[in-house]
Amino acid sequence: MKKARCHLLAVGVAALIPAGAAFATNPLIMDQFTADPAARVFDGRVYVYPSHDIIAVPGKGRPGWFCMADYHVFSSQNLTDWRDHGVVVSQIDVPWVDSSSYSMWAPDCVSKNGKYYFYFPARAKNGGFRIGVAVADRPGGPFTPEPEPMADVRGIDPCVFLDGDGTAYLFYAARKIFAVKLRDDMLEVDGTPQVVENLPTQGLIEGPFVFERKGVYYLTYPHAANKTERLEYAISDHPLGPYRPAGVVMDESPDGCWTNQSSIVEYQGQWLLFYHDHDLSPAFDKARSIRADRLYFNNDGTIRKVIPTRRGVGIVAATREIQIDRYSAASRDGISVSFLNPDNPHEGWQISLAGASAWVRFSDVDFGNGTLTTVKTRAAAPAGGAIEIRLDKEDGPVLGRVQIAPGSVWTVVKATVRNVSAGVHDLVVTQGGPTPVALDWVSFE
């Protein structure tokens, strides 16, 4: 166990997040930095192909800038438990890539003819960004890179869209967004890449992603209209356009992350937006973390603006350690969130309830058949304190009350709960007394 500082309440020991811990909250991946998520659905699972941020040091990338040496793949069936399939492509394994550039930027992956094609950009040994392809028999790899980059394509952020008739189209960015049809082998372009017209001409535009819904083609892209990127989109009746700008998918990051790149997929009857922010590195936005939130359409097919959340997507079993600092809603006052260990943000966060009316709500908790009898929480309260566990809303039925003895060390405390309802509900934790309480997680048994 590693010593940790708790600067909210000056309390002390933080547990390491166990290997293989599940997260249905944002960010999705806690043990490493991830960005630019390309989400795809293969064989009933969501696969996410992000870039992999690492911290540059002298001799290894450009300090203070983006630094990426390889790619991992993550997958989930329930949007709660994410499996890391490990490194699937590395810059040292691609013959044409300048392995001193650490420039393995935003990728994508699609499936056709029983094969999986992974598209990635990188700086070439002879200069400039090129786009390569690696091929696998399974969505989690291993992938084998082609020995040469795609001919006649120079740029970054590839996205490949497969239309209903099987035709594939490549989209990518090079100060503008380009599009071109692919040959059946998925390795070569069929024609000359053309600029996608009618998109913004002022401010950086990059990271295209294309999907289809009800005969409408949607092209999403990050656009730095002001200081940082927001996610915008355009629509068309054909994959190659012409496209018409239609609105904003997500506003600029309220936390100041300069970049944002996204993908949109339908999974198990709901539409999901995968994107990134810098949750695990708030002072340095070149070390980012992928997120997911639900996305909804209006009746006319336009996209409702997505408001980023800590909670994310996925149902959490009540018997798991519920990370309530990733809340769905909270009281206006009396709530503070900080890292458990400022020296290692990958350990996660704690939340402080510091007001007589402080509360926090965590949505979509599965209480099973309702036979749970005990609640436990990892907590600390220097002056002693209490919390109340409620169902569905802040003034909802009280399931139990947990009393926390005075002390500055994290302690797991248990209490009896009654009248737990079966099924999926919101979990609400309220402050049960006048003194502040710090909480790591809540769980039932």
Protein backbone atom coordinates (compact mmCIF):
# COMPACT_ATOMS: atom_id res chain seq x y z
CA MET A 1 0.00 0.00 0.00
CA LYS A 2 1.31 3.38 -0.96
CA LYS A 3 1.21 6.46 1.23
CA ALA A 4 -0.90 9.26 -0.20
CA ARG A 5 -1.72 12.79 0.72
CA CYS A 6 -5.35 13.86 0.96
CA HIS A 7 -5.34 17.62 0.65
CA LEU A 8 -9.08 17.98 1.13
CA LEU A 9 -9.11 16.81 4.72
CA ALA A 10 -5.43 16.13 5.33
CA VAL A 11 -6.12 12.42 5.66
CA GLY A 12 -3.81 9.79 4.78
CA VAL A 13 -3.59 6.32 3.21
CA ALA A 14 -4.83 5.69 -0.33
CA ALA A 15 -5.24 2.21 -1.74
CA LEU A 16 -3.87 1.40 -5.12
CA ILE A 17 -6.52 0.70 -7.71
CA PRO A 18 -6.31 -3.06 -8.26
CA ALA A 19 -5.24 -4.39 -11.63
CA GLY A 20 -8.23 -5.16 -13.78
CA ALA A 21 -10.52 -2.81 -11.84
CA ALA A 22 -13.71 -1.97 -13.71
CA PHE A 23 -14.78 1.53 -14.64
CA ALA A 24 -18.16 2.50 -16.01
CA THR A 25 -17.28 6.11 -15.36
CA ASN A 26 -15.23 8.81 -17.02
CA PRO A 27 -12.45 8.42 -17.84
CA LEU A 28 -12.84 4.88 -19.12
CA ILE A 29 -9.18 3.90 -18.73
CA MET A 30 -7.33 4.71 -15.52
CA ASP A 31 -3.92 3.01 -15.73
CA GLN A 32 -2.60 4.96 -18.73
CA PHE A 33 -3.25 8.05 -20.81
CA THR A 34 -5.49 7.59 -23.87
CA ALA A 35 -6.89 9.96 -26.50
CA ASP A 36 -8.63 10.18 -29.89
CA PRO A 37 -10.94 7.18 -29.38
CA ALA A 38 -12.22 5.41 -32.48
CA ALA A 39 -15.06 3.20 -31.22
CA ARG A 40 -16.34 0.30 -33.31
CA VAL A 41 -18.76 -2.58 -32.65
CA PHE A 42 -17.47 -6.03 -33.59
CA ASP A 43 -19.06 -9.36 -32.61
CA GLY A 44 -21.31 -7.84 -29.95
CA ARG A 45 -18.53 -5.89 -28.21
CA VAL A 46 -17.42 -2.29 -28.32
CA TYR A 47 -13.77 -1.96 -29.32
CA VAL A 48 -12.02 1.35 -28.77
CA TYR A 49 -8.88 2.20 -30.71
CA PRO A 50 -7.30 5.26 -29.08
CA SER A 51 -3.93 6.90 -29.35
CA HIS A 52 -1.63 6.40 -26.36
CA ASP A 53 -0.20 9.51 -24.73
CA ILE A 54 3.03 9.19 -22.78
CA ILE A 55 5.08 11.90 -21.14
CA ALA A 56 7.96 13.08 -23.31
CA VAL A 57 11.41 13.44 -21.79
CA PRO A 58 14.70 14.53 -23.38
CA GLY A 59 15.66 11.94 -25.98
CA LYS A 60 12.15 10.49 -26.03
CA GLY A 61 9.83 12.79 -27.91
CA ARG A 62 9.54 16.55 -27.61
CA PRO A 63 9.08 17.63 -23.97
CA GLY A 64 5.90 19.61 -23.50
CA TRP A 65 4.31 18.23 -26.65
CA PHE A 66 2.29 15.19 -27.79
CA CYS A 67 4.28 11.98 -27.45
CA MET A 68 2.91 8.65 -28.73
CA ALA A 69 4.90 5.49 -29.43
CA ASP A 70 2.28 2.75 -29.86
CA TYR A 71 -1.38 1.76 -29.77
CA HIS A 72 -3.44 -0.31 -27.33
CA VAL A 73 -6.94 -1.67 -28.01
CA PHE A 74 -9.68 -1.84 -25.37
CA SER A 75 -13.01 -3.67 -25.51
CA SER A 76 -16.14 -4.16 -23.43
CA GLN A 77 -19.46 -5.96 -23.69
CA ASN A 78 -21.21 -4.13 -20.86
CA LEU A 79 -19.54 -0.68 -21.07
CA THR A 80 -18.35 -1.27 -17.50
CA ASP A 81 -15.53 -3.83 -17.67
CA TRP A 82 -12.86 -2.77 -20.16
CA ARG A 83 -10.24 -5.25 -21.36
CA ASP A 84 -6.84 -4.02 -22.49
CA HIS A 85 -5.74 -6.18 -25.42
CA GLY A 86 -2.23 -4.74 -25.10
CA VAL A 87 0.00 -3.10 -27.68
CA VAL A 88 -1.18 -3.90 -31.20
CA VAL A 89 1.09 -1.62 -33.25
CA SER A 90 4.33 0.10 -32.22
CA GLN A 91 6.41 2.67 -34.07
CA ILE A 92 9.48 0.42 -33.84
CA ASP A 93 7.65 -2.32 -35.77
CA VAL A 94 6.62 -0.22 -38.79
CA PRO A 95 9.43 -0.02 -41.39
CA TRP A 96 8.49 3.36 -42.86
CA VAL A 97 7.89 5.22 -39.57
CA ASP A 98 10.46 7.58 -38.07
CA SER A 99 10.71 5.92 -34.65
CA SER A 100 12.32 9.01 -33.14
CA SER A 101 9.23 11.12 -33.83
CA TYR A 102 6.78 9.53 -31.32
CA SER A 103 3.95 10.59 -33.62
CA MET A 104 1.49 7.67 -33.64
CA TRP A 105 -1.58 9.91 -33.66
CA ALA A 106 -5.33 9.23 -33.96
CA PRO A 107 -6.16 5.81 -35.54
CA ASP A 108 -9.23 3.89 -36.74
CA CYS A 109 -10.19 0.28 -37.45
CA VAL A 110 -12.83 -1.38 -39.65
CA SER A 111 -13.69 -4.92 -40.70
CA LYS A 112 -14.23 -6.23 -44.20
CA ASN A 113 -13.94 -9.63 -45.87
CA GLY A 114 -13.14 -11.34 -42.58
CA LYS A 115 -10.14 -9.10 -41.88
CA TYR A 116 -9.61 -6.12 -39.58
CA TYR A 117 -7.86 -3.08 -40.99
CA PHE A 118 -6.17 -0.68 -38.58
CA TYR A 119 -5.36 2.76 -40.02
CA PHE A 120 -2.84 5.01 -38.31
CA PRO A 121 -0.85 8.16 -39.04
CA ALA A 122 2.81 8.74 -38.24
CA ARG A 123 5.74 10.81 -39.38
CA ALA A 124 7.64 9.02 -42.15
CA LYS A 125 11.39 8.56 -42.31
CA ASN A 126 11.45 10.70 -45.44
CA GLY A 127 9.41 13.45 -43.79
CA GLY A 128 5.77 14.41 -43.47
CA PHE A 129 2.80 12.55 -42.06
CA ARG A 130 1.64 9.44 -43.88
CA ILE A 131 -1.10 6.93 -43.15
CA GLY A 132 -0.36 3.25 -42.71
CA VAL A 133 -2.48 0.12 -42.52
CA ALA A 134 -2.06 -2.93 -40.30
CA VAL A 135 -4.12 -6.10 -40.82
CA ALA A 136 -5.39 -8.70 -38.34
CA ASP A 137 -7.70 -11.70 -38.15
CA ARG A 138 -9.26 -10.49 -34.89
CA PRO A 139 -10.33 -7.02 -33.69
CA GLY A 140 -7.95 -7.20 -30.74
CA GLY A 141 -5.00 -8.10 -32.92
CA PRO A 142 -2.21 -8.95 -33.33
CA PHE A 143 -1.95 -6.58 -36.30
CA THR A 144 0.71 -6.83 -39.00
CA PRO A 145 1.68 -3.46 -40.53
CA GLU A 146 2.03 -3.11 -44.27
CA PRO A 147 5.67 -2.36 -45.21
CA GLU A 148 4.79 0.95 -46.91
CA PRO A 149 2.28 3.73 -46.17
CA MET A 150 -0.76 4.28 -48.36
CA ALA A 151 0.18 5.83 -51.69
CA ASP A 152 -1.10 9.33 -52.56
CA VAL A 153 -2.28 10.01 -48.99
CA ARG A 154 -0.53 12.58 -46.78
CA GLY A 155 -2.14 13.66 -43.55
CA ILE A 156 -3.34 12.57 -40.12
CA ASP A 157 -6.43 11.26 -38.29
CA PRO A 158 -7.73 8.59 -40.68
CA CYS A 159 -11.36 7.50 -40.52
CA VAL A 160 -12.72 4.75 -42.76
CA PHE A 161 -16.46 4.61 -43.39
CA LEU A 162 -18.06 1.43 -44.77
CA ASP A 163 -21.34 2.17 -46.54
CA GLY A 164 -24.23 -0.27 -46.63
CA ASP A 165 -23.26 -1.48 -50.10
CA GLY A 166 -19.78 -2.40 -48.89
CA THR A 167 -18.02 0.59 -50.43
CA ALA A 168 -15.25 1.98 -48.22
CA TYR A 169 -14.24 5.63 -47.99
CA LEU A 170 -11.17 7.14 -46.34
CA PHE A 171 -11.38 10.50 -44.61
CA TYR A 172 -8.34 12.26 -43.15
CA ALA A 173 -7.04 15.70 -42.19
CA ALA A 174 -4.28 17.90 -43.57
CA ARG A 175 -5.33 21.41 -42.44
CA LYS A 176 -8.54 20.59 -44.29
CA ILE A 177 -10.54 17.38 -44.43
CA PHE A 178 -10.05 15.10 -47.42
CA ALA A 179 -12.08 12.14 -48.66
CA VAL A 180 -11.49 9.38 -51.20
CA LYS A 181 -12.94 6.00 -52.10
CA LEU A 182 -10.89 2.90 -51.22
CA ARG A 183 -10.26 -0.12 -53.39
CA ASP A 184 -11.67 -3.49 -52.34
CA ASP A 185 -8.31 -4.50 -50.86
CA MET A 186 -8.72 -1.67 -48.27
CA LEU A 187 -5.04 -0.81 -48.77
CA GLU A 188 -5.16 1.58 -51.73
CA VAL A 189 -7.19 4.62 -52.70
CA ASP A 190 -9.44 4.51 -55.74
CA GLY A 191 -9.04 7.98 -57.20
CA THR A 192 -7.59 11.28 -56.05
CA PRO A 193 -8.38 12.58 -52.54
CA GLN A 194 -10.67 15.62 -52.65
CA VAL A 195 -11.24 18.40 -50.13
CA VAL A 196 -14.58 18.17 -48.34
CA GLU A 197 -16.15 21.51 -49.16
CA ASN A 198 -18.44 23.82 -47.12
CA LEU A 199 -16.61 23.19 -43.83
CA PRO A 200 -15.13 26.01 -41.70
CA THR A 201 -12.13 27.71 -43.27
CA GLN A 202 -10.93 29.59 -40.18
CA GLY A 203 -9.37 27.79 -37.23
CA LEU A 204 -7.80 24.35 -37.17
CA ILE A 205 -10.04 21.54 -38.35
CA GLU A 206 -9.05 17.87 -38.00
CA GLY A 207 -10.13 14.45 -36.71
CA PRO A 208 -12.97 13.51 -39.11
CA PHE A 209 -15.40 10.74 -38.21
CA VAL A 210 -18.26 9.60 -40.46
CA PHE A 211 -21.33 7.49 -39.67
CA GLU A 212 -24.77 6.93 -41.18
CA ARG A 213 -28.23 7.00 -39.58
CA LYS A 214 -31.54 6.66 -41.39
CA GLY A 215 -30.02 7.52 -44.75
CA VAL A 216 -28.22 10.62 -43.48
CA TYR A 217 -24.43 10.77 -43.45
CA TYR A 218 -22.86 12.61 -40.54
CA LEU A 219 -19.33 14.02 -40.64
CA THR A 220 -18.05 15.09 -37.23
CA TYR A 221 -14.81 17.00 -36.67
CA PRO A 222 -12.97 19.02 -34.01
CA HIS A 223 -12.79 22.70 -34.88
CA ALA A 224 -10.80 25.35 -33.02
CA ALA A 225 -13.27 28.15 -33.69
CA ASN A 226 -11.96 30.10 -30.71
CA LYS A 227 -9.20 29.10 -28.29
CA THR A 228 -9.76 25.34 -28.05
CA GLU A 229 -11.49 22.66 -30.08
CA ARG A 230 -15.19 21.95 -29.98
CA LEU A 231 -16.89 19.08 -31.77
CA GLU A 232 -18.97 20.11 -34.78
CA TYR A 233 -20.78 18.17 -37.49
CA ALA A 234 -22.12 18.38 -41.02
CA ILE A 235 -24.65 16.22 -42.86
CA SER A 236 -25.04 14.91 -46.40
CA ASP A 237 -27.01 12.55 -48.60
CA HIS A 238 -23.81 10.85 -49.82
CA PRO A 239 -20.59 9.80 -48.05
CA LEU A 240 -18.50 12.10 -50.25
CA GLY A 241 -20.85 15.05 -49.88
CA PRO A 242 -21.62 17.79 -50.45
CA TYR A 243 -21.88 18.34 -46.68
CA ARG A 244 -23.84 21.05 -44.91
CA PRO A 245 -22.68 22.29 -41.47
CA ALA A 246 -25.41 21.37 -38.98
CA GLY A 247 -24.27 22.34 -35.51
CA VAL A 248 -22.16 21.53 -32.46
CA VAL A 249 -21.93 18.07 -30.89
CA MET A 250 -19.97 19.22 -27.84
CA ASP A 251 -18.76 22.62 -26.70
CA GLU A 252 -15.16 23.42 -25.80
CA SER A 253 -13.87 21.59 -22.74
CA PRO A 254 -14.86 23.48 -19.59
CA ASP A 255 -11.53 22.34 -18.11
CA GLY A 256 -9.47 23.83 -20.94
CA CYS A 257 -8.26 20.72 -22.78
CA TRP A 258 -7.07 22.14 -26.11
CA THR A 259 -7.93 19.11 -28.25
CA ASN A 260 -10.95 16.87 -28.54
CA GLN A 261 -11.54 14.06 -30.99
CA SER A 262 -14.50 11.74 -31.14
CA SER A 263 -16.36 8.82 -32.63
CA ILE A 264 -20.04 7.92 -32.50
CA VAL A 265 -21.50 4.40 -32.47
CA GLU A 266 -24.83 2.73 -31.80
CA TYR A 267 -24.58 -0.10 -29.28
CA GLN A 268 -27.34 -2.09 -27.61
CA GLY A 269 -29.99 0.37 -28.72
CA GLN A 270 -28.24 3.55 -27.58
CA TRP A 271 -25.98 6.01 -29.34
CA LEU A 272 -22.68 6.78 -27.65
CA LEU A 273 -20.14 9.56 -28.10
CA PHE A 274 -16.54 8.62 -27.35
CA TYR A 275 -14.19 11.57 -26.87
CA HIS A 276 -11.34 12.72 -24.62
CA ASP A 277 -10.42 15.29 -21.99
CA HIS A 278 -7.50 15.57 -19.56
CA ASP A 279 -9.04 14.24 -16.34
CA LEU A 280 -5.86 12.50 -15.15
CA SER A 281 -3.59 15.41 -16.04
CA PRO A 282 -5.46 18.67 -15.41
CA ALA A 283 -2.29 20.78 -15.59
CA PHE A 284 -1.04 19.27 -18.88
CA ASP A 285 -3.42 18.70 -21.77
CA LYS A 286 -1.02 16.57 -23.82
CA ALA A 287 -1.76 13.66 -21.47
CA ARG A 288 -5.40 12.88 -22.11
CA SER A 289 -8.04 10.32 -21.15
CA ILE A 290 -10.91 8.86 -23.16
CA ARG A 291 -14.52 9.26 -22.10
CA ALA A 292 -17.99 8.18 -23.23
CA ASP A 293 -21.42 9.76 -22.86
CA ARG A 294 -24.83 9.08 -24.34
CA LEU A 295 -25.85 10.94 -27.48
CA TYR A 296 -29.39 11.72 -28.63
CA PHE A 297 -31.00 12.86 -31.87
CA ASN A 298 -33.86 15.27 -32.37
CA ASN A 299 -36.88 14.25 -34.44
CA ASP A 300 -35.45 16.04 -37.47
CA GLY A 301 -32.21 14.05 -37.28
CA THR A 302 -30.07 16.79 -35.81
CA ILE A 303 -27.83 15.94 -32.86
CA ARG A 304 -28.60 17.19 -29.39
CA LYS A 305 -25.56 18.81 -27.85
CA VAL A 306 -23.77 16.41 -25.49
CA ILE A 307 -22.90 17.74 -22.05
CA PRO A 308 -19.77 15.95 -20.75
CA THR A 309 -20.20 14.04 -17.50
CA ARG A 310 -18.06 12.37 -14.87
CA ARG A 311 -20.54 9.50 -14.67
CA GLY A 312 -20.19 8.27 -18.23
CA VAL A 313 -22.09 5.17 -19.37
CA GLY A 314 -22.58 1.61 -18.16
CA ILE A 315 -24.54 0.10 -15.29
CA VAL A 316 -22.60 -0.58 -12.08
CA ALA A 317 -23.48 -3.49 -9.81
CA ALA A 318 -24.17 -2.37 -6.25
CA THR A 319 -21.71 -5.00 -5.06
CA ARG A 320 -18.83 -3.23 -6.87
CA GLU A 321 -16.83 -0.34 -5.47
CA ILE A 322 -18.95 2.56 -6.72
CA GLN A 323 -16.75 5.57 -7.46
CA ILE A 324 -19.18 8.23 -6.33
CA ASP A 325 -16.75 11.04 -7.09
CA ARG A 326 -17.76 10.33 -10.73
CA TYR A 327 -21.23 11.55 -9.86
CA SER A 328 -24.26 12.20 -12.07
CA ALA A 329 -25.39 15.19 -10.02
CA ALA A 330 -24.44 16.92 -6.79
CA SER A 331 -25.53 19.70 -4.49
CA ARG A 332 -24.46 23.18 -5.51
CA ASP A 333 -22.41 23.66 -2.34
CA GLY A 334 -20.40 21.45 -0.01
CA ILE A 335 -18.89 19.12 -2.64
CA SER A 336 -15.19 18.94 -3.54
CA VAL A 337 -13.28 16.37 -5.58
CA SER A 338 -9.51 15.82 -5.56
CA PHE A 339 -7.00 13.11 -6.36
CA LEU A 340 -6.49 10.41 -3.77
CA ASN A 341 -2.78 10.74 -4.40
CA PRO A 342 -1.62 13.90 -6.18
CA ASP A 343 1.66 12.15 -6.97
CA ASN A 344 -0.15 9.39 -8.88
CA PRO A 345 -3.46 10.49 -10.43
CA HIS A 346 -4.03 7.00 -11.85
CA GLU A 347 -5.17 5.97 -8.35
CA GLY A 348 -8.34 8.01 -8.83
CA TRP A 349 -10.27 10.53 -6.81
CA GLN A 350 -11.98 11.15 -3.48
CA ILE A 351 -14.99 13.31 -2.74
CA SER A 352 -15.55 15.54 0.28
CA LEU A 353 -19.00 16.23 1.71
CA ALA A 354 -18.54 19.42 3.68
CA GLY A 355 -21.93 20.96 4.28
CA ALA A 356 -25.07 20.06 6.20
CA SER A 357 -27.04 19.84 2.94
CA ALA A 358 -24.29 18.27 0.79
CA TRP A 359 -25.30 15.34 -1.39
CA VAL A 360 -24.08 13.43 -4.42
CA ARG A 361 -26.05 11.17 -6.80
CA PHE A 362 -24.66 8.27 -8.83
CA SER A 363 -27.03 6.93 -11.49
CA ASP A 364 -27.67 3.43 -12.83
CA VAL A 365 -26.72 1.18 -9.94
CA ASP A 366 -28.00 -2.41 -10.20
CA PHE A 367 -29.25 -3.62 -6.81
CA GLY A 368 -30.04 -7.08 -8.19
CA ASN A 369 -32.95 -8.81 -6.44
CA GLY A 370 -32.89 -6.35 -3.55
CA THR A 371 -31.56 -8.77 -0.93
CA LEU A 372 -28.52 -6.67 0.00
CA THR A 373 -28.19 -6.10 3.75
CA THR A 374 -24.93 -4.21 4.29
CA VAL A 375 -23.34 -1.03 2.95
CA LYS A 376 -19.67 -0.30 3.32
CA THR A 377 -17.61 2.72 2.42
CA ARG A 378 -13.97 3.70 2.48
CA ALA A 379 -14.04 6.95 4.37
CA ALA A 380 -12.17 9.35 6.66
CA ALA A 381 -13.45 12.08 8.99
CA PRO A 382 -10.90 13.80 11.24
CA ALA A 383 -13.64 15.04 13.58
CA GLY A 384 -15.90 12.06 13.08
CA GLY A 385 -19.02 12.15 10.95
CA ALA A 386 -21.76 10.27 9.21
CA ILE A 387 -23.36 9.70 5.83
CA GLU A 388 -26.84 8.56 4.86
CA ILE A 389 -27.51 6.27 1.93
CA ARG A 390 -30.68 7.11 0.03
CA LEU A 391 -32.49 5.73 -2.99
CA ASP A 392 -33.09 7.61 -6.25
CA LYS A 393 -33.07 11.23 -4.98
CA GLU A 394 -31.57 13.38 -2.27
CA ASP A 395 -34.73 13.30 -0.16
CA GLY A 396 -35.53 9.69 -1.10
CA PRO A 397 -35.94 6.74 1.26
CA VAL A 398 -33.04 6.24 3.68
CA LEU A 399 -31.53 2.78 3.23
CA GLY A 400 -28.95 3.14 5.96
CA ARG A 401 -26.70 5.42 7.96
CA VAL A 402 -22.93 4.95 8.27
CA GLN A 403 -21.18 6.38 11.31
CA ILE A 404 -17.49 7.22 10.83
CA ALA A 405 -15.23 7.41 13.88
CA PRO A 406 -12.83 10.36 14.28
CA GLY A 407 -9.51 9.84 12.53
CA SER A 408 -7.30 10.91 9.64
CA VAL A 409 -6.70 7.45 8.18
CA TRP A 410 -8.85 5.86 5.50
CA THR A 411 -11.09 3.20 7.06
CA VAL A 412 -13.63 0.79 5.62
CA VAL A 413 -16.82 1.21 7.65
CA LYS A 414 -19.95 -0.98 7.45
CA ALA A 415 -23.58 -0.47 8.39
CA THR A 416 -26.89 -2.29 7.99
CA VAL A 417 -29.26 -1.31 5.20
CA ARG A 418 -32.96 -2.08 4.95
CA ASN A 419 -35.72 -1.93 2.36
CA VAL A 420 -33.34 -2.06 -0.62
CA SER A 421 -35.36 -2.08 -3.84
CA ALA A 422 -34.58 -4.55 -6.60
CA GLY A 423 -33.40 -3.48 -10.03
CA VAL A 424 -31.55 -0.42 -11.30
CA HIS A 425 -31.76 2.78 -9.26
CA ASP A 426 -29.84 5.92 -8.52
CA LEU A 427 -27.69 5.91 -5.39
CA VAL A 428 -27.62 9.11 -3.30
CA VAL A 429 -25.16 9.81 -0.50
CA THR A 430 -25.89 12.72 1.81
CA GLN A 431 -23.89 14.19 4.66
CA GLY A 432 -25.38 12.87 7.90
CA GLY A 433 -24.01 15.41 10.35
CA PRO A 434 -22.33 18.80 10.74
CA THR A 435 -18.71 17.67 10.17
CA PRO A 436 -16.95 16.99 6.83
CA VAL A 437 -16.47 13.47 5.52
CA ALA A 438 -14.16 12.24 2.75
CA LEU A 439 -15.25 9.21 0.72
CA ASP A 440 -13.41 6.98 -1.72
CA TRP A 441 -16.12 4.49 -2.69
CA VAL A 442 -19.39 2.91 -1.58
CA SER A 443 -20.37 -0.75 -1.98
CA PHE A 444 -23.11 -3.18 -0.87
CA GLU A 445 -23.09 -6.83 0.14
